[in-house]
């Protein structure tokens, strides 16, 4: 049977990276699924999901790479239209993406030793409530 729950986190500003691995593991355990897939979808257009080694150096490298690809301090058409200053947030979120699929094997997420599931807060606003839809499919 398909199992689904929402994971909700509050973020505190652009650049925050939240480790969701434990929450996703809890979801998989609650599902009772032994073999299958865990799909994750972030609801929103200015944050993203990915996997990474949750280590200060790599986290900084990721932030630096996103700054090079979609820099702050330049004009974005979105900002001209809406005036909210988060054009780069939308571009960065689109490049990284809103979803992941992680295999479930022997009742657990099949992640590498140094691989964690993370939410990237890319919006310029402080204090966002983010919802990730976690669906476990046998």
N, C-alpha and C. Protein backbone atom coordinates (compact mmCIF):
# COMPACT_ATOMS: atom_id res chain seq x y z
N UNK A 1 0.83 -1.18 0.00
CA UNK A 1 0.00 0.00 0.00
C UNK A 1 0.88 1.25 0.00
N UNK A 2 0.49 2.24 -0.76
CA UNK A 2 1.22 3.51 -0.81
C UNK A 2 1.03 4.25 0.50
N UNK A 3 2.11 4.80 1.02
CA UNK A 3 2.09 5.56 2.27
C UNK A 3 2.54 6.98 1.96
N UNK A 4 1.86 7.96 2.58
CA UNK A 4 2.21 9.35 2.31
C UNK A 4 2.08 10.18 3.58
N UNK A 5 3.05 11.08 3.76
CA UNK A 5 2.94 12.07 4.84
C UNK A 5 3.69 13.32 4.43
N UNK A 6 3.39 14.40 5.13
CA UNK A 6 4.06 15.67 4.89
C UNK A 6 5.14 15.89 5.94
N UNK A 7 6.28 16.38 5.49
CA UNK A 7 7.35 16.81 6.38
C UNK A 7 7.38 18.32 6.30
N UNK A 8 7.22 18.98 7.44
CA UNK A 8 7.19 20.44 7.47
C UNK A 8 8.37 20.96 8.27
N UNK A 9 9.06 21.94 7.70
CA UNK A 9 10.18 22.58 8.39
C UNK A 9 10.06 24.09 8.24
N UNK A 10 10.53 24.80 9.24
CA UNK A 10 10.61 26.25 9.17
C UNK A 10 12.05 26.63 8.88
N UNK A 11 12.25 27.44 7.86
CA UNK A 11 13.59 27.89 7.51
C UNK A 11 13.76 29.35 7.93
N UNK A 12 15.01 29.78 7.97
CA UNK A 12 15.31 31.10 8.52
C UNK A 12 16.09 31.98 7.57
N UNK A 13 15.99 31.73 6.28
CA UNK A 13 16.60 32.63 5.32
C UNK A 13 17.39 31.95 4.23
N UNK A 14 17.67 32.74 3.23
CA UNK A 14 18.38 32.29 2.05
C UNK A 14 19.71 31.64 2.42
N UNK A 15 19.96 30.50 1.82
CA UNK A 15 21.22 29.80 2.04
C UNK A 15 21.17 28.71 3.09
N UNK A 16 20.09 28.67 3.86
CA UNK A 16 19.99 27.61 4.88
C UNK A 16 19.83 26.26 4.19
N UNK A 17 20.53 25.26 4.70
CA UNK A 17 20.44 23.90 4.18
C UNK A 17 20.01 23.01 5.34
N UNK A 18 18.85 22.37 5.18
CA UNK A 18 18.24 21.57 6.24
C UNK A 18 18.38 20.09 5.90
N UNK A 19 18.96 19.33 6.81
CA UNK A 19 19.09 17.89 6.64
C UNK A 19 17.75 17.23 6.96
N UNK A 20 17.14 16.61 5.97
CA UNK A 20 15.84 15.96 6.13
C UNK A 20 15.95 14.44 6.30
N UNK A 21 17.16 13.92 6.30
CA UNK A 21 17.36 12.47 6.25
C UNK A 21 16.62 11.73 7.36
N UNK A 22 16.74 12.20 8.58
CA UNK A 22 16.08 11.52 9.70
C UNK A 22 14.56 11.52 9.54
N UNK A 23 13.99 12.65 9.15
CA UNK A 23 12.54 12.73 8.95
C UNK A 23 12.08 11.79 7.84
N UNK A 24 12.86 11.69 6.77
CA UNK A 24 12.50 10.79 5.66
C UNK A 24 12.65 9.33 6.10
N UNK A 25 13.66 9.05 6.89
CA UNK A 25 13.82 7.67 7.41
C UNK A 25 12.61 7.28 8.27
N UNK A 26 12.14 8.21 9.08
CA UNK A 26 10.95 7.95 9.91
C UNK A 26 9.74 7.65 9.04
N UNK A 27 9.60 8.40 7.96
CA UNK A 27 8.48 8.19 7.03
C UNK A 27 8.55 6.79 6.43
N UNK A 28 9.74 6.38 5.99
CA UNK A 28 9.91 5.05 5.40
C UNK A 28 9.60 3.98 6.43
N UNK A 29 10.08 4.15 7.65
CA UNK A 29 9.80 3.16 8.71
C UNK A 29 8.31 3.06 8.99
N UNK A 30 7.62 4.20 9.04
CA UNK A 30 6.18 4.21 9.30
C UNK A 30 5.40 3.53 8.18
N UNK A 31 5.94 3.56 6.98
CA UNK A 31 5.24 2.96 5.84
C UNK A 31 5.23 1.44 5.90
N UNK A 32 6.21 0.85 6.56
CA UNK A 32 6.33 -0.60 6.60
C UNK A 32 6.83 -1.21 5.31
N UNK A 33 7.21 -0.39 4.36
CA UNK A 33 7.69 -0.88 3.06
C UNK A 33 9.06 -1.51 3.21
N UNK A 34 9.23 -2.68 2.61
CA UNK A 34 10.52 -3.38 2.65
C UNK A 34 11.33 -3.07 1.40
N UNK A 35 10.67 -3.12 0.26
CA UNK A 35 11.32 -2.84 -1.02
C UNK A 35 10.43 -1.91 -1.82
N UNK A 36 11.00 -0.81 -2.33
CA UNK A 36 10.21 0.13 -3.10
C UNK A 36 10.97 1.40 -3.36
N UNK A 37 10.22 2.50 -3.36
CA UNK A 37 10.82 3.81 -3.65
C UNK A 37 10.18 4.86 -2.76
N UNK A 38 11.00 5.80 -2.33
CA UNK A 38 10.52 6.95 -1.57
C UNK A 38 10.64 8.17 -2.47
N UNK A 39 9.51 8.77 -2.79
CA UNK A 39 9.53 9.98 -3.61
C UNK A 39 9.33 11.17 -2.69
N UNK A 40 10.06 12.24 -2.99
CA UNK A 40 9.97 13.47 -2.21
C UNK A 40 9.70 14.61 -3.17
N UNK A 41 8.74 15.45 -2.82
CA UNK A 41 8.42 16.61 -3.64
C UNK A 41 8.25 17.82 -2.74
N UNK A 42 9.03 18.85 -3.01
CA UNK A 42 8.95 20.10 -2.26
C UNK A 42 7.88 20.99 -2.88
N UNK A 43 6.94 21.42 -2.06
CA UNK A 43 5.87 22.27 -2.55
C UNK A 43 6.34 23.72 -2.43
N UNK A 44 6.57 24.35 -3.57
CA UNK A 44 7.06 25.72 -3.59
C UNK A 44 8.08 25.90 -4.70
N UNK A 45 8.29 27.15 -5.11
CA UNK A 45 9.16 27.41 -6.27
C UNK A 45 10.44 28.16 -5.94
N UNK A 46 10.74 28.34 -4.64
CA UNK A 46 11.97 29.04 -4.28
C UNK A 46 12.80 28.26 -3.27
N UNK A 47 12.66 26.96 -3.29
CA UNK A 47 13.50 26.06 -2.50
C UNK A 47 13.70 24.82 -3.35
N UNK A 48 14.59 23.92 -2.90
CA UNK A 48 14.91 22.76 -3.72
C UNK A 48 15.32 21.58 -2.83
N UNK A 49 15.33 20.40 -3.43
CA UNK A 49 15.78 19.18 -2.76
C UNK A 49 16.95 18.58 -3.52
N UNK A 50 17.88 18.02 -2.78
CA UNK A 50 18.98 17.29 -3.39
C UNK A 50 19.60 16.38 -2.34
N UNK A 51 20.63 15.65 -2.75
CA UNK A 51 21.43 14.89 -1.79
C UNK A 51 22.83 15.47 -1.80
N UNK A 52 23.49 15.38 -0.66
CA UNK A 52 24.85 15.92 -0.54
C UNK A 52 25.48 15.33 0.70
N UNK A 53 26.79 15.41 0.79
CA UNK A 53 27.45 15.11 2.05
C UNK A 53 27.26 16.34 2.93
N UNK A 54 26.56 16.18 4.04
CA UNK A 54 26.21 17.31 4.91
C UNK A 54 27.43 17.67 5.76
N UNK A 55 28.37 18.34 5.12
CA UNK A 55 29.65 18.73 5.73
C UNK A 55 29.91 20.18 5.36
N UNK A 56 30.41 20.95 6.30
CA UNK A 56 30.56 22.40 6.12
C UNK A 56 31.24 22.80 4.81
N UNK A 57 32.33 22.13 4.46
CA UNK A 57 33.04 22.48 3.23
C UNK A 57 32.20 22.28 1.99
N UNK A 58 31.55 21.14 1.90
CA UNK A 58 30.71 20.85 0.72
C UNK A 58 29.51 21.79 0.68
N UNK A 59 28.92 22.07 1.84
CA UNK A 59 27.77 22.99 1.88
C UNK A 59 28.17 24.37 1.38
N UNK A 60 29.35 24.83 1.79
CA UNK A 60 29.83 26.14 1.33
C UNK A 60 30.12 26.10 -0.17
N UNK A 61 30.70 24.99 -0.64
CA UNK A 61 30.98 24.85 -2.07
C UNK A 61 29.69 24.92 -2.88
N UNK A 62 28.63 24.29 -2.39
CA UNK A 62 27.35 24.33 -3.10
C UNK A 62 26.81 25.76 -3.15
N UNK A 63 26.85 26.45 -2.03
CA UNK A 63 26.38 27.85 -1.99
C UNK A 63 27.19 28.71 -2.97
N UNK A 64 28.49 28.50 -3.00
CA UNK A 64 29.35 29.27 -3.92
C UNK A 64 29.02 28.95 -5.37
N UNK A 65 28.77 27.68 -5.67
CA UNK A 65 28.43 27.29 -7.04
C UNK A 65 27.11 27.93 -7.48
N UNK A 66 26.11 27.92 -6.60
CA UNK A 66 24.83 28.53 -6.94
C UNK A 66 24.98 30.04 -7.15
N UNK A 67 25.85 30.66 -6.39
CA UNK A 67 26.10 32.11 -6.56
C UNK A 67 26.74 32.38 -7.92
N UNK A 68 27.62 31.50 -8.37
CA UNK A 68 28.25 31.68 -9.68
C UNK A 68 27.25 31.47 -10.82
N UNK A 69 26.37 30.50 -10.65
CA UNK A 69 25.41 30.16 -11.72
C UNK A 69 24.27 31.17 -11.82
N UNK A 70 23.73 31.58 -10.68
CA UNK A 70 22.62 32.55 -10.65
C UNK A 70 22.95 33.60 -9.59
N UNK A 71 23.83 34.54 -9.94
CA UNK A 71 24.36 35.48 -8.94
C UNK A 71 23.34 36.46 -8.40
N UNK A 72 23.57 36.86 -7.16
CA UNK A 72 22.82 37.97 -6.60
C UNK A 72 23.46 39.25 -7.15
N UNK A 73 22.76 40.35 -7.05
CA UNK A 73 23.33 41.61 -7.49
C UNK A 73 23.22 41.88 -8.98
N UNK A 74 22.49 41.05 -9.70
CA UNK A 74 22.22 41.34 -11.11
C UNK A 74 20.72 41.42 -11.31
N UNK A 75 20.33 41.99 -12.43
CA UNK A 75 18.90 42.16 -12.72
C UNK A 75 18.27 40.85 -13.19
N UNK A 76 17.09 40.56 -12.66
CA UNK A 76 16.28 39.43 -13.10
C UNK A 76 14.92 39.97 -13.56
N UNK A 77 14.40 39.45 -14.66
CA UNK A 77 13.11 39.90 -15.18
C UNK A 77 12.00 39.71 -14.14
N UNK A 78 12.09 38.64 -13.38
CA UNK A 78 11.09 38.39 -12.33
C UNK A 78 11.04 39.55 -11.34
N UNK A 79 12.21 40.04 -10.94
CA UNK A 79 12.27 41.14 -9.98
C UNK A 79 11.65 42.41 -10.55
N UNK A 80 11.89 42.67 -11.84
CA UNK A 80 11.32 43.85 -12.48
C UNK A 80 9.80 43.78 -12.49
N UNK A 81 9.27 42.59 -12.67
CA UNK A 81 7.81 42.45 -12.73
C UNK A 81 7.17 42.45 -11.35
N UNK A 82 7.76 41.72 -10.39
CA UNK A 82 7.13 41.52 -9.09
C UNK A 82 7.74 42.36 -7.98
N UNK A 83 8.97 42.81 -8.15
CA UNK A 83 9.61 43.67 -7.15
C UNK A 83 9.94 42.99 -5.83
N UNK A 84 10.01 41.66 -5.83
CA UNK A 84 10.25 40.97 -4.56
C UNK A 84 11.70 40.54 -4.37
N UNK A 85 12.56 40.78 -5.37
CA UNK A 85 13.99 40.53 -5.22
C UNK A 85 14.41 39.08 -5.17
N UNK A 86 13.51 38.16 -5.52
CA UNK A 86 13.87 36.75 -5.44
C UNK A 86 13.95 36.05 -6.80
N UNK A 87 14.25 36.81 -7.84
CA UNK A 87 14.43 36.20 -9.16
C UNK A 87 15.49 35.12 -9.14
N UNK A 88 16.60 35.40 -8.46
CA UNK A 88 17.67 34.40 -8.38
C UNK A 88 17.20 33.16 -7.63
N UNK A 89 16.29 33.35 -6.67
CA UNK A 89 15.76 32.22 -5.89
C UNK A 89 15.02 31.24 -6.80
N UNK A 90 14.21 31.78 -7.69
CA UNK A 90 13.45 30.95 -8.62
C UNK A 90 14.38 30.22 -9.59
N UNK A 91 15.39 30.93 -10.09
CA UNK A 91 16.32 30.32 -11.04
C UNK A 91 17.10 29.20 -10.36
N UNK A 92 17.63 29.47 -9.18
CA UNK A 92 18.41 28.44 -8.46
C UNK A 92 17.55 27.22 -8.14
N UNK A 93 16.33 27.45 -7.69
CA UNK A 93 15.43 26.33 -7.36
C UNK A 93 15.12 25.50 -8.60
N UNK A 94 14.94 26.15 -9.73
CA UNK A 94 14.66 25.42 -10.97
C UNK A 94 15.85 24.57 -11.41
N UNK A 95 17.05 25.08 -11.20
CA UNK A 95 18.25 24.34 -11.60
C UNK A 95 18.48 23.11 -10.74
N UNK A 96 18.25 23.23 -9.43
CA UNK A 96 18.46 22.09 -8.54
C UNK A 96 17.28 21.13 -8.61
N UNK A 97 16.06 21.66 -8.55
CA UNK A 97 14.86 20.84 -8.70
C UNK A 97 14.09 20.61 -7.42
N UNK A 98 12.80 20.30 -7.56
CA UNK A 98 11.92 20.15 -6.40
C UNK A 98 11.71 18.72 -5.91
N UNK A 99 12.35 17.73 -6.56
CA UNK A 99 12.00 16.35 -6.20
C UNK A 99 13.19 15.40 -6.22
N UNK A 100 12.99 14.29 -5.52
CA UNK A 100 13.98 13.21 -5.46
C UNK A 100 13.24 11.88 -5.41
N UNK A 101 13.91 10.84 -5.86
CA UNK A 101 13.45 9.47 -5.65
C UNK A 101 14.62 8.71 -5.05
N UNK A 102 14.38 8.07 -3.90
CA UNK A 102 15.41 7.29 -3.22
C UNK A 102 14.90 5.86 -3.09
N UNK A 103 15.68 4.88 -3.49
CA UNK A 103 15.25 3.49 -3.35
C UNK A 103 15.08 3.11 -1.87
N UNK A 104 14.12 2.21 -1.63
CA UNK A 104 13.95 1.60 -0.31
C UNK A 104 14.34 0.14 -0.47
N UNK A 105 15.30 -0.29 0.35
CA UNK A 105 15.81 -1.66 0.28
C UNK A 105 15.93 -2.19 1.69
N UNK A 106 15.40 -3.37 1.92
CA UNK A 106 15.43 -3.98 3.26
C UNK A 106 14.83 -3.04 4.32
N UNK A 107 13.77 -2.32 3.94
CA UNK A 107 13.05 -1.46 4.88
C UNK A 107 13.72 -0.14 5.20
N UNK A 108 14.78 0.22 4.46
CA UNK A 108 15.50 1.46 4.75
C UNK A 108 15.85 2.20 3.47
N UNK A 109 16.10 3.51 3.60
CA UNK A 109 16.58 4.29 2.47
C UNK A 109 17.91 3.73 2.00
N UNK A 110 18.11 3.65 0.71
CA UNK A 110 19.37 3.15 0.17
C UNK A 110 20.23 4.35 -0.23
N UNK A 111 20.85 4.96 0.79
CA UNK A 111 21.72 6.11 0.60
C UNK A 111 23.17 5.68 0.80
N UNK A 112 24.09 6.43 0.20
CA UNK A 112 25.51 6.19 0.42
C UNK A 112 25.91 6.60 1.83
N UNK A 113 27.07 6.15 2.25
CA UNK A 113 27.57 6.41 3.61
C UNK A 113 27.55 7.90 3.94
N UNK A 114 27.96 8.73 3.02
CA UNK A 114 28.07 10.17 3.29
C UNK A 114 26.99 10.96 2.57
N UNK A 115 25.88 10.35 2.24
CA UNK A 115 24.83 10.98 1.44
C UNK A 115 23.61 11.28 2.31
N UNK A 116 23.26 12.55 2.38
CA UNK A 116 22.07 12.98 3.12
C UNK A 116 21.10 13.67 2.17
N UNK A 117 19.83 13.65 2.57
CA UNK A 117 18.77 14.33 1.83
C UNK A 117 18.63 15.72 2.44
N UNK A 118 18.69 16.76 1.59
CA UNK A 118 18.63 18.12 2.12
C UNK A 118 17.64 18.99 1.36
N UNK A 119 17.11 19.96 2.10
CA UNK A 119 16.29 21.03 1.54
C UNK A 119 17.16 22.27 1.48
N UNK A 120 17.19 22.91 0.32
CA UNK A 120 17.92 24.15 0.15
C UNK A 120 16.92 25.30 0.20
N UNK A 121 17.06 26.18 1.17
CA UNK A 121 16.22 27.38 1.20
C UNK A 121 16.89 28.42 0.34
N UNK A 122 16.21 28.83 -0.70
CA UNK A 122 16.79 29.75 -1.67
C UNK A 122 16.08 31.09 -1.71
N UNK A 123 14.97 31.22 -0.99
CA UNK A 123 14.22 32.47 -1.00
C UNK A 123 14.91 33.53 -0.15
N UNK A 124 14.76 34.78 -0.54
CA UNK A 124 15.39 35.89 0.17
C UNK A 124 14.64 36.27 1.44
N UNK A 125 13.41 35.79 1.57
CA UNK A 125 12.62 36.12 2.76
C UNK A 125 13.05 35.28 3.96
N UNK A 126 12.95 35.86 5.13
CA UNK A 126 13.22 35.11 6.36
C UNK A 126 11.98 34.32 6.75
N UNK A 127 12.20 33.25 7.48
CA UNK A 127 11.12 32.45 8.07
C UNK A 127 10.10 31.98 7.05
N UNK A 128 10.41 30.90 6.40
CA UNK A 128 9.48 30.25 5.48
C UNK A 128 9.09 28.91 6.07
N UNK A 129 7.84 28.54 5.93
CA UNK A 129 7.42 27.19 6.29
C UNK A 129 7.41 26.38 5.01
N UNK A 130 8.19 25.32 4.99
CA UNK A 130 8.34 24.48 3.80
C UNK A 130 7.70 23.12 4.05
N UNK A 131 7.03 22.62 3.02
CA UNK A 131 6.39 21.31 3.09
C UNK A 131 6.96 20.41 2.02
N UNK A 132 7.40 19.23 2.45
CA UNK A 132 7.88 18.21 1.54
C UNK A 132 6.91 17.04 1.63
N UNK A 133 6.37 16.65 0.50
CA UNK A 133 5.47 15.51 0.44
C UNK A 133 6.31 14.26 0.25
N UNK A 134 6.22 13.35 1.22
CA UNK A 134 6.99 12.10 1.21
C UNK A 134 6.02 10.95 0.90
N UNK A 135 6.25 10.28 -0.21
CA UNK A 135 5.39 9.17 -0.63
C UNK A 135 6.25 7.92 -0.78
N UNK A 136 5.88 6.87 -0.07
CA UNK A 136 6.62 5.62 -0.14
C UNK A 136 5.77 4.61 -0.92
N UNK A 137 6.36 4.08 -1.98
CA UNK A 137 5.65 3.19 -2.89
C UNK A 137 6.31 1.81 -2.85
N UNK A 138 5.54 0.79 -2.49
CA UNK A 138 6.12 -0.57 -2.46
C UNK A 138 6.40 -1.09 -3.86
